[in-house]
Amino acid sequence: MSMAYPVEGPTRQGLLSQGNSRWMKVPVITATFWIIKILSTTVGETFADYLAVNVGLGSIVTTGMMVFLLAVALVIQFRTRQYTPWIYWLTVVLVSIVGTQITDFFTDTLGVSLYVSTAVFSVLLIVVFTAWYLQERTLAITSIDTFRREAFYWAAILTAFALGTAAGDLATEALGLGFMWGSVIFAVLIILSGLATRIGVSTVAAFWIAYVLTRPLGASIGDLLTQDRSYGGMGLGAQATSILFLVVIIVLVIREQLLVNRHGVLVKGQKAHGGKVRDLLWAGAGALAIIIAAGSITAVQVAHAPANAANASSSKASHGPLGDLSSFAQINDDVTAKVKAGDLAGGKTRVKDLETAWDSAEAGLKPRSPSDWGTLDKAIDEELTALRANNPDQASSLKAAQHLQSLLASL
């Protein structure tokens, strides 16, 4: 979908002709823009999960690293005097990660309800827009040409990502949307927000509504590709999905970089990157490349493990509200056995496998029954806390492991 900029405010060429000291700092809104934006959102989700879960850095360390990198990227972005694609899109990816981590911190660590966090971030976004308008008398995307306007712009983007995460998770859990239906529904809503401008809806409002919705759309697509097939996904995993999306992003951003001159102005024509048709072709090629690559990888995986897929499919129907929990129960049985034998170090090592498997499956399990998932998640946290204490106690660790064991059996 191609959504045009609002027409109010100075044009990029007007700024240049007037000798303005700061040029436009954001890209033209085209189909390529939306493709890169959605892919950046997905990469932000999958790469953060990969660092926190697969690499084992944990959410706190991952968040700290990403906040630092975002601060560095923003400094570079603010110091540039024109739109520089690679800097801009690197910043967007990092904002995506940090925005997601902020919402997850409130939800998973502080236990704040998604209803509350969605309402809070909605109010914060309204506050940002209100302050922006009162200060600048415009919210036009074409007017991001001063330091203060750019500061408001990035504040709005960060808040929009946090809101998109909370609202998307709320919709997924409250409505029980699967990954496929979630992707379709959020994509349709984005298209409708663009079409709404044809019946008089403000292009500024339509842009930001679509921008917020790209976060749950990107997350749904990411979960669809990364989650195991037993949870309704395609089983590509976070690493393969991140690499695939990152390659497409790099190709499209390189094209953007080649189409702007040293003033951040398009070299080939003043319309969408050499023409709307060419832009649509590049955007479509990027999307098609992902579909073909993801389909090919999935086909290879299915061909090599047809029995496992069939077993997973049948076990889902014969178990409780969260589906088949036998893999988690098996790992916890191992932990329990090691703790009983007094091998607390071995139990601590093995419980890491439980943490990784549980976190990786969150997107597939939690929407099925948020309350049951929350009960198990709390019990797993208690077991992790007991075994990772500075001086772990066998009795406390065994009690936590057996408590989780009974919960897994009951579900």
Protein backbone atom coordinates (compact mmCIF):
# COMPACT_ATOMS: atom_id res chain seq x y z
CA MET A 1 0.00 0.00 0.00
CA SER A 2 1.24 3.47 -0.77
CA MET A 3 0.16 6.24 1.55
CA ALA A 4 1.08 9.78 0.54
CA TYR A 5 2.46 12.42 2.85
CA PRO A 6 0.16 15.14 4.14
CA VAL A 7 0.37 18.12 1.83
CA GLU A 8 0.61 20.77 4.50
CA GLY A 9 4.00 22.21 5.38
CA PRO A 10 7.04 22.97 3.16
CA THR A 11 8.12 20.54 0.50
CA ARG A 12 11.57 19.01 0.40
CA GLN A 13 12.46 20.97 -2.73
CA GLY A 14 11.09 24.12 -1.16
CA LEU A 15 13.38 23.66 1.78
CA LEU A 16 16.37 23.31 -0.52
CA SER A 17 15.47 26.34 -2.60
CA GLN A 18 15.08 28.43 0.56
CA GLY A 19 18.52 27.40 1.79
CA ASN A 20 17.16 25.86 4.96
CA SER A 21 19.92 24.66 7.28
CA ARG A 22 18.24 21.31 7.91
CA TRP A 23 16.75 19.19 5.15
CA MET A 24 13.99 16.61 5.43
CA LYS A 25 15.03 13.83 7.79
CA VAL A 26 12.41 11.16 6.97
CA PRO A 27 11.64 9.13 3.83
CA VAL A 28 8.82 9.56 1.34
CA ILE A 29 5.88 7.30 2.19
CA THR A 30 5.68 4.65 -0.54
CA ALA A 31 4.95 0.95 -0.86
CA THR A 32 8.66 0.28 -0.28
CA PHE A 33 8.48 2.33 2.91
CA TRP A 34 5.68 0.15 4.29
CA ILE A 35 7.43 -3.10 3.33
CA ILE A 36 10.66 -2.04 5.02
CA LYS A 37 8.70 -0.78 8.03
CA ILE A 38 6.82 -4.07 8.50
CA LEU A 39 9.98 -6.14 8.01
CA SER A 40 11.86 -3.91 10.46
CA THR A 41 9.12 -4.48 13.01
CA THR A 42 9.36 -8.24 12.57
CA VAL A 43 13.16 -8.21 12.79
CA GLY A 44 12.91 -6.15 15.95
CA GLU A 45 10.66 -8.81 17.46
CA THR A 46 12.54 -11.92 16.29
CA PHE A 47 16.06 -10.57 16.86
CA ALA A 48 15.23 -9.47 20.41
CA ASP A 49 13.77 -12.92 21.10
CA TYR A 50 16.86 -14.55 19.62
CA LEU A 51 19.21 -12.56 21.87
CA ALA A 52 17.09 -12.96 25.00
CA VAL A 53 16.12 -16.62 24.55
CA ASN A 54 18.44 -18.43 22.15
CA VAL A 55 21.66 -16.60 23.01
CA GLY A 56 20.58 -16.54 26.64
CA LEU A 57 21.15 -12.86 27.44
CA GLY A 58 17.77 -12.54 29.12
CA SER A 59 15.27 -9.70 28.76
CA ILE A 60 17.04 -7.25 31.10
CA VAL A 61 20.46 -7.49 29.42
CA THR A 62 18.89 -7.46 25.95
CA THR A 63 16.83 -4.37 26.80
CA GLY A 64 19.88 -2.59 28.22
CA MET A 65 21.94 -3.32 25.12
CA MET A 66 19.18 -2.18 22.77
CA VAL A 67 18.54 1.04 24.71
CA PHE A 68 22.25 1.89 24.48
CA LEU A 69 22.38 1.13 20.75
CA LEU A 70 19.21 3.15 20.18
CA ALA A 71 20.73 6.13 21.98
CA VAL A 72 23.81 5.91 19.74
CA ALA A 73 21.67 5.59 16.60
CA LEU A 74 19.53 8.57 17.59
CA VAL A 75 22.62 10.71 18.15
CA ILE A 76 23.85 9.81 14.65
CA GLN A 77 20.37 10.38 13.17
CA PHE A 78 20.03 13.80 14.79
CA ARG A 79 23.52 14.85 13.68
CA THR A 80 22.82 14.13 10.02
CA ARG A 81 21.58 17.07 7.98
CA GLN A 82 19.37 15.10 5.57
CA TYR A 83 17.54 11.82 5.13
CA THR A 84 20.13 9.02 5.17
CA PRO A 85 18.36 5.67 4.59
CA TRP A 86 20.71 3.31 6.42
CA ILE A 87 20.82 5.52 9.53
CA TYR A 88 17.06 6.11 9.52
CA TRP A 89 16.11 2.44 9.15
CA LEU A 90 18.69 1.24 11.69
CA THR A 91 17.08 3.63 14.15
CA VAL A 92 13.60 2.32 13.28
CA VAL A 93 14.68 -1.29 13.92
CA LEU A 94 16.16 -0.33 17.30
CA VAL A 95 13.07 1.71 18.23
CA SER A 96 10.99 -1.35 17.34
CA ILE A 97 13.02 -3.52 19.71
CA VAL A 98 13.00 -1.04 22.58
CA GLY A 99 9.30 -0.23 22.18
CA THR A 100 8.49 -3.92 22.32
CA GLN A 101 10.74 -4.47 25.34
CA ILE A 102 9.10 -1.58 27.21
CA THR A 103 5.64 -3.11 26.84
CA ASP A 104 6.91 -6.61 27.68
CA PHE A 105 8.57 -5.22 30.82
CA PHE A 106 5.29 -3.74 32.03
CA THR A 107 3.33 -6.89 31.17
CA ASP A 108 5.69 -9.74 32.07
CA THR A 109 7.84 -8.20 34.82
CA LEU A 110 5.50 -5.75 36.55
CA GLY A 111 2.31 -7.69 35.79
CA VAL A 112 0.48 -4.69 34.34
CA SER A 113 -2.70 -5.66 32.49
CA LEU A 114 -2.62 -5.28 28.71
CA TYR A 115 -5.85 -3.28 29.01
CA VAL A 116 -4.06 -0.81 31.30
CA SER A 117 -0.85 -0.61 29.23
CA THR A 118 -2.85 -0.14 26.00
CA ALA A 119 -4.80 2.71 27.61
CA VAL A 120 -1.65 4.30 29.07
CA PHE A 121 0.29 4.22 25.80
CA SER A 122 -2.75 5.56 23.94
CA VAL A 123 -2.87 8.54 26.29
CA LEU A 124 0.90 9.05 26.01
CA LEU A 125 0.69 9.09 22.21
CA ILE A 126 -2.11 11.67 22.37
CA VAL A 127 0.03 13.75 24.74
CA VAL A 128 2.99 13.60 22.33
CA PHE A 129 0.81 14.65 19.38
CA THR A 130 -0.81 17.43 21.41
CA ALA A 131 2.53 18.86 22.55
CA TRP A 132 3.90 18.50 19.02
CA TYR A 133 0.98 20.42 17.50
CA LEU A 134 0.92 23.12 20.16
CA GLN A 135 4.63 23.76 19.65
CA GLU A 136 4.80 23.48 15.84
CA ARG A 137 1.20 24.01 14.64
CA THR A 138 1.61 21.05 12.30
CA LEU A 139 1.91 17.28 12.48
CA ALA A 140 2.75 16.98 8.79
CA ILE A 141 5.38 14.33 8.06
CA THR A 142 6.74 16.61 5.34
CA SER A 143 7.72 19.17 7.98
CA ILE A 144 10.35 17.12 9.86
CA ASP A 145 13.05 19.69 9.17
CA THR A 146 14.08 21.03 12.60
CA PHE A 147 15.62 19.45 15.67
CA ARG A 148 12.47 19.90 17.78
CA ARG A 149 10.14 18.46 15.15
CA GLU A 150 12.40 15.48 14.71
CA ALA A 151 12.45 14.95 18.49
CA PHE A 152 8.64 14.89 18.53
CA TYR A 153 8.67 12.54 15.53
CA TRP A 154 10.88 9.91 17.21
CA ALA A 155 9.00 10.25 20.51
CA ALA A 156 5.78 9.52 18.62
CA ILE A 157 7.35 6.53 16.86
CA LEU A 158 8.65 5.00 20.11
CA THR A 159 5.26 5.46 21.79
CA ALA A 160 3.50 4.08 18.69
CA PHE A 161 5.62 0.93 18.84
CA ALA A 162 4.87 0.43 22.54
CA LEU A 163 1.15 1.01 21.89
CA GLY A 164 1.18 -1.33 18.89
CA THR A 165 2.77 -4.06 21.01
CA ALA A 166 0.25 -3.71 23.83
CA ALA A 167 -2.80 -3.37 21.57
CA GLY A 168 -1.67 -6.22 19.33
CA ASP A 169 -1.05 -8.57 22.26
CA LEU A 170 -4.39 -7.58 23.76
CA ALA A 171 -6.23 -8.28 20.52
CA THR A 172 -4.45 -11.61 20.08
CA GLU A 173 -5.18 -12.78 23.61
CA ALA A 174 -8.69 -11.34 23.96
CA LEU A 175 -9.89 -12.49 20.54
CA GLY A 176 -7.79 -15.65 20.34
CA LEU A 177 -6.53 -14.78 16.85
CA GLY A 178 -4.16 -17.26 15.27
CA PHE A 179 -0.98 -16.08 13.59
CA MET A 180 -2.45 -16.35 10.10
CA TRP A 181 -5.72 -14.58 10.93
CA GLY A 182 -3.86 -11.98 12.94
CA SER A 183 -1.64 -11.21 9.93
CA VAL A 184 -4.63 -10.96 7.60
CA ILE A 185 -6.76 -8.81 9.92
CA PHE A 186 -4.02 -6.28 10.74
CA ALA A 187 -3.01 -6.05 7.06
CA VAL A 188 -6.61 -5.33 6.08
CA LEU A 189 -6.89 -2.64 8.78
CA ILE A 190 -3.75 -0.93 7.45
CA ILE A 191 -5.13 -0.96 3.92
CA LEU A 192 -8.46 0.43 5.14
CA SER A 193 -6.68 3.26 6.95
CA GLY A 194 -5.07 4.21 3.65
CA LEU A 195 -8.34 4.00 1.74
CA ALA A 196 -10.02 6.14 4.41
CA THR A 197 -8.09 9.17 3.16
CA ARG A 198 -10.17 9.00 -0.03
CA ILE A 199 -13.32 9.76 1.94
CA GLY A 200 -11.90 12.71 3.82
CA VAL A 201 -10.04 11.17 6.75
CA SER A 202 -6.92 13.18 7.63
CA THR A 203 -3.78 11.76 6.03
CA VAL A 204 -1.89 12.51 9.24
CA ALA A 205 -4.34 10.45 11.31
CA ALA A 206 -4.40 7.66 8.71
CA PHE A 207 -0.60 7.52 8.63
CA TRP A 208 -0.21 7.16 12.38
CA ILE A 209 -3.04 4.62 12.66
CA ALA A 210 -1.32 2.53 10.00
CA TYR A 211 2.03 3.05 11.69
CA VAL A 212 0.72 1.71 15.01
CA LEU A 213 -0.88 -1.27 13.25
CA THR A 214 2.37 -2.28 11.53
CA ARG A 215 3.66 -3.41 14.93
CA PRO A 216 1.02 -6.12 15.57
CA LEU A 217 1.12 -7.02 11.86
CA GLY A 218 4.88 -7.48 11.96
CA ALA A 219 4.62 -9.48 15.19
CA SER A 220 1.90 -11.74 13.73
CA ILE A 221 3.99 -12.38 10.62
CA GLY A 222 7.06 -13.02 12.76
CA ASP A 223 5.19 -15.46 15.01
CA LEU A 224 3.67 -17.18 11.97
CA LEU A 225 7.13 -17.84 10.58
CA THR A 226 9.07 -18.55 13.79
CA GLN A 227 6.69 -20.60 15.92
CA ASP A 228 6.70 -24.38 15.80
CA ARG A 229 4.09 -26.00 13.57
CA SER A 230 2.45 -27.57 16.62
CA TYR A 231 1.58 -24.01 17.72
CA GLY A 232 0.22 -22.97 14.34
CA GLY A 233 3.46 -21.50 12.95
CA MET A 234 5.74 -22.47 10.07
CA GLY A 235 8.68 -23.46 12.26
CA LEU A 236 11.41 -21.34 10.66
CA GLY A 237 12.75 -20.19 14.00
CA ALA A 238 13.85 -16.72 15.12
CA GLN A 239 17.35 -16.97 13.64
CA ALA A 240 16.31 -17.97 10.10
CA THR A 241 13.45 -15.44 10.05
CA SER A 242 15.69 -12.60 11.25
CA ILE A 243 18.34 -13.37 8.61
CA LEU A 244 15.77 -13.67 5.81
CA PHE A 245 14.04 -10.39 6.67
CA LEU A 246 17.31 -8.59 7.29
CA VAL A 247 18.61 -9.52 3.84
CA VAL A 248 15.50 -8.09 2.16
CA ILE A 249 15.68 -4.94 4.30
CA ILE A 250 19.34 -4.41 3.39
CA VAL A 251 18.61 -4.77 -0.34
CA LEU A 252 15.73 -2.28 -0.23
CA VAL A 253 17.65 0.18 1.95
CA ILE A 254 20.68 0.02 -0.37
CA ARG A 255 18.35 0.92 -3.23
CA GLU A 256 17.04 3.85 -1.19
CA GLN A 257 20.60 4.93 -0.43
CA LEU A 258 21.51 4.89 -4.13
CA LEU A 259 18.48 7.01 -5.03
CA VAL A 260 19.29 9.98 -2.81
CA ASN A 261 22.05 12.52 -3.33
CA ARG A 262 24.19 14.21 -0.75
CA HIS A 263 21.30 16.54 0.17
CA GLY A 264 18.93 13.65 0.92
CA VAL A 265 16.91 14.37 -2.23
CA LEU A 266 15.77 11.73 -4.71
CA VAL A 267 18.10 11.61 -7.69
CA LYS A 268 15.74 10.00 -10.20
CA GLY A 269 12.64 12.17 -10.43
CA GLN A 270 10.69 13.80 -7.63
CA LYS A 271 7.97 11.16 -7.40
CA ALA A 272 8.13 7.93 -5.48
CA HIS A 273 11.61 6.66 -6.24
CA GLY A 274 11.53 6.86 -10.00
CA GLY A 275 7.82 6.20 -10.27
CA LYS A 276 5.02 4.44 -8.42
CA VAL A 277 5.13 1.37 -10.68
CA ARG A 278 8.84 0.82 -10.13
CA ASP A 279 8.43 1.30 -6.40
CA LEU A 280 5.58 -1.22 -6.29
CA LEU A 281 7.69 -3.71 -8.24
CA TRP A 282 10.55 -3.44 -5.76
CA ALA A 283 8.20 -3.71 -2.79
CA GLY A 284 6.42 -6.68 -4.36
CA ALA A 285 9.73 -8.37 -5.17
CA GLY A 286 10.81 -8.06 -1.55
CA ALA A 287 7.56 -9.57 -0.27
CA LEU A 288 7.66 -12.33 -2.89
CA ALA A 289 11.25 -13.23 -2.01
CA ILE A 290 10.24 -13.77 1.60
CA ILE A 291 7.20 -15.86 0.67
CA ILE A 292 9.25 -18.10 -1.64
CA ALA A 293 12.15 -18.49 0.80
CA ALA A 294 9.87 -19.18 3.79
CA GLY A 295 7.80 -21.67 1.79
CA SER A 296 10.90 -23.47 0.55
CA ILE A 297 12.43 -23.78 4.02
CA THR A 298 9.15 -25.02 5.46
CA ALA A 299 8.74 -27.59 2.68
CA VAL A 300 12.22 -28.96 3.37
CA GLN A 301 11.50 -29.18 7.11
CA VAL A 302 8.17 -30.94 6.56
CA ALA A 303 9.75 -33.40 4.14
CA HIS A 304 12.38 -34.34 6.71
CA ALA A 305 10.03 -34.62 9.67
CA PRO A 306 6.54 -35.68 8.54
CA ALA A 307 6.04 -37.99 11.52
CA ASN A 308 6.84 -35.29 14.05
CA ALA A 309 4.40 -32.88 12.42
CA ALA A 310 1.64 -35.48 12.47
CA ASN A 311 2.31 -36.35 16.10
CA ALA A 312 2.30 -32.68 17.08
CA SER A 313 -0.97 -32.13 15.26
CA SER A 314 -2.69 -35.06 16.93
CA SER A 315 -1.32 -34.28 20.42
CA LYS A 316 -2.66 -30.74 20.25
CA ALA A 317 -6.22 -32.00 20.10
CA SER A 318 -5.79 -34.53 22.92
CA HIS A 319 -4.36 -32.26 25.59
CA GLY A 320 -5.52 -29.37 27.74
CA PRO A 321 -6.16 -25.70 26.98
CA LEU A 322 -2.48 -25.00 26.24
CA GLY A 323 -2.07 -28.04 24.02
CA ASP A 324 0.76 -30.53 24.31
CA LEU A 325 3.00 -29.67 27.27
CA SER A 326 4.87 -32.99 27.33
CA SER A 327 8.14 -31.49 26.07
CA PHE A 328 8.21 -29.02 28.96
CA ALA A 329 7.20 -31.74 31.43
CA GLN A 330 10.08 -33.93 30.21
CA ILE A 331 12.64 -31.18 30.77
CA ASN A 332 11.20 -30.42 34.21
CA ASP A 333 11.30 -34.13 35.11
CA ASP A 334 15.02 -34.06 34.34
CA VAL A 335 15.45 -30.97 36.52
CA THR A 336 13.52 -32.62 39.36
CA ALA A 337 15.61 -35.79 39.15
CA LYS A 338 18.88 -33.85 39.30
CA VAL A 339 17.71 -31.77 42.26
CA LYS A 340 16.57 -34.92 44.12
CA ALA A 341 20.02 -36.40 43.57
CA GLY A 342 21.62 -33.28 45.01
CA ASP A 343 23.01 -32.16 41.65
CA LEU A 344 21.91 -28.54 41.91
CA ALA A 345 24.48 -27.40 39.34
CA GLY A 346 23.10 -29.92 36.86
CA GLY A 347 19.56 -28.81 37.66
CA LYS A 348 20.53 -25.19 37.07
CA THR A 349 22.00 -26.08 33.68
CA ARG A 350 18.99 -28.17 32.64
CA VAL A 351 16.44 -25.56 33.75
CA LYS A 352 18.00 -23.20 31.22
CA ASP A 353 16.65 -25.52 28.50
CA LEU A 354 13.20 -25.21 30.06
CA GLU A 355 13.44 -21.40 30.10
CA THR A 356 14.54 -21.29 26.45
CA ALA A 357 11.81 -23.69 25.26
CA TRP A 358 9.09 -21.92 27.27
CA ASP A 359 10.03 -18.43 26.10
CA SER A 360 10.30 -19.56 22.49
CA ALA A 361 6.78 -21.04 22.64
CA GLU A 362 5.16 -18.06 24.39
CA ALA A 363 3.61 -16.56 21.26
CA GLY A 364 2.00 -19.91 20.39
CA LEU A 365 0.84 -20.90 23.87
CA LYS A 366 -0.24 -17.71 25.62
CA PRO A 367 -3.17 -16.77 23.32
CA ARG A 368 -4.74 -20.22 23.87
CA SER A 369 -5.30 -19.58 27.56
CA PRO A 370 -3.59 -16.50 29.04
CA SER A 371 -4.56 -17.39 32.62
CA ASP A 372 -3.18 -20.94 32.44
CA TRP A 373 -0.07 -19.68 30.69
CA GLY A 374 0.41 -17.06 33.42
CA THR A 375 0.12 -19.71 36.15
CA LEU A 376 2.78 -21.88 34.54
CA ASP A 377 5.00 -18.91 33.75
CA LYS A 378 4.96 -17.87 37.40
CA ALA A 379 5.82 -21.41 38.51
CA ILE A 380 8.72 -21.58 36.03
CA ASP A 381 10.02 -18.24 37.30
CA GLU A 382 9.90 -19.56 40.85
CA GLU A 383 11.91 -22.62 39.84
CA LEU A 384 14.45 -20.47 37.99
CA THR A 385 14.79 -18.16 41.00
CA ALA A 386 15.34 -21.08 43.37
CA LEU A 387 18.02 -22.75 41.27
CA ARG A 388 19.79 -19.50 40.34
CA ALA A 389 20.10 -18.20 43.89
CA ASN A 390 23.62 -17.38 45.07
CA ASN A 391 23.41 -20.35 47.44
CA PRO A 392 20.61 -22.57 46.07
CA ASP A 393 18.81 -24.69 48.64
CA GLN A 394 17.91 -28.27 47.70
CA ALA A 395 14.62 -28.29 49.57
CA SER A 396 13.40 -25.01 48.06
CA SER A 397 14.53 -26.00 44.57
CA LEU A 398 12.85 -29.39 44.85
CA LYS A 399 9.62 -27.83 46.11
CA ALA A 400 9.55 -25.43 43.15
CA ALA A 401 10.31 -28.21 40.65
CA GLN A 402 7.63 -30.51 42.07
CA HIS A 403 5.08 -27.69 42.13
CA LEU A 404 5.69 -27.06 38.42
CA GLN A 405 5.54 -30.79 37.83
CA SER A 406 2.06 -31.01 39.35
CA LEU A 407 0.84 -27.98 37.38
CA LEU A 408 2.07 -29.41 34.09
CA ALA A 409 0.36 -32.70 34.87
CA SER A 410 -2.93 -31.01 35.79
CA LEU A 411 -3.01 -29.03 32.53
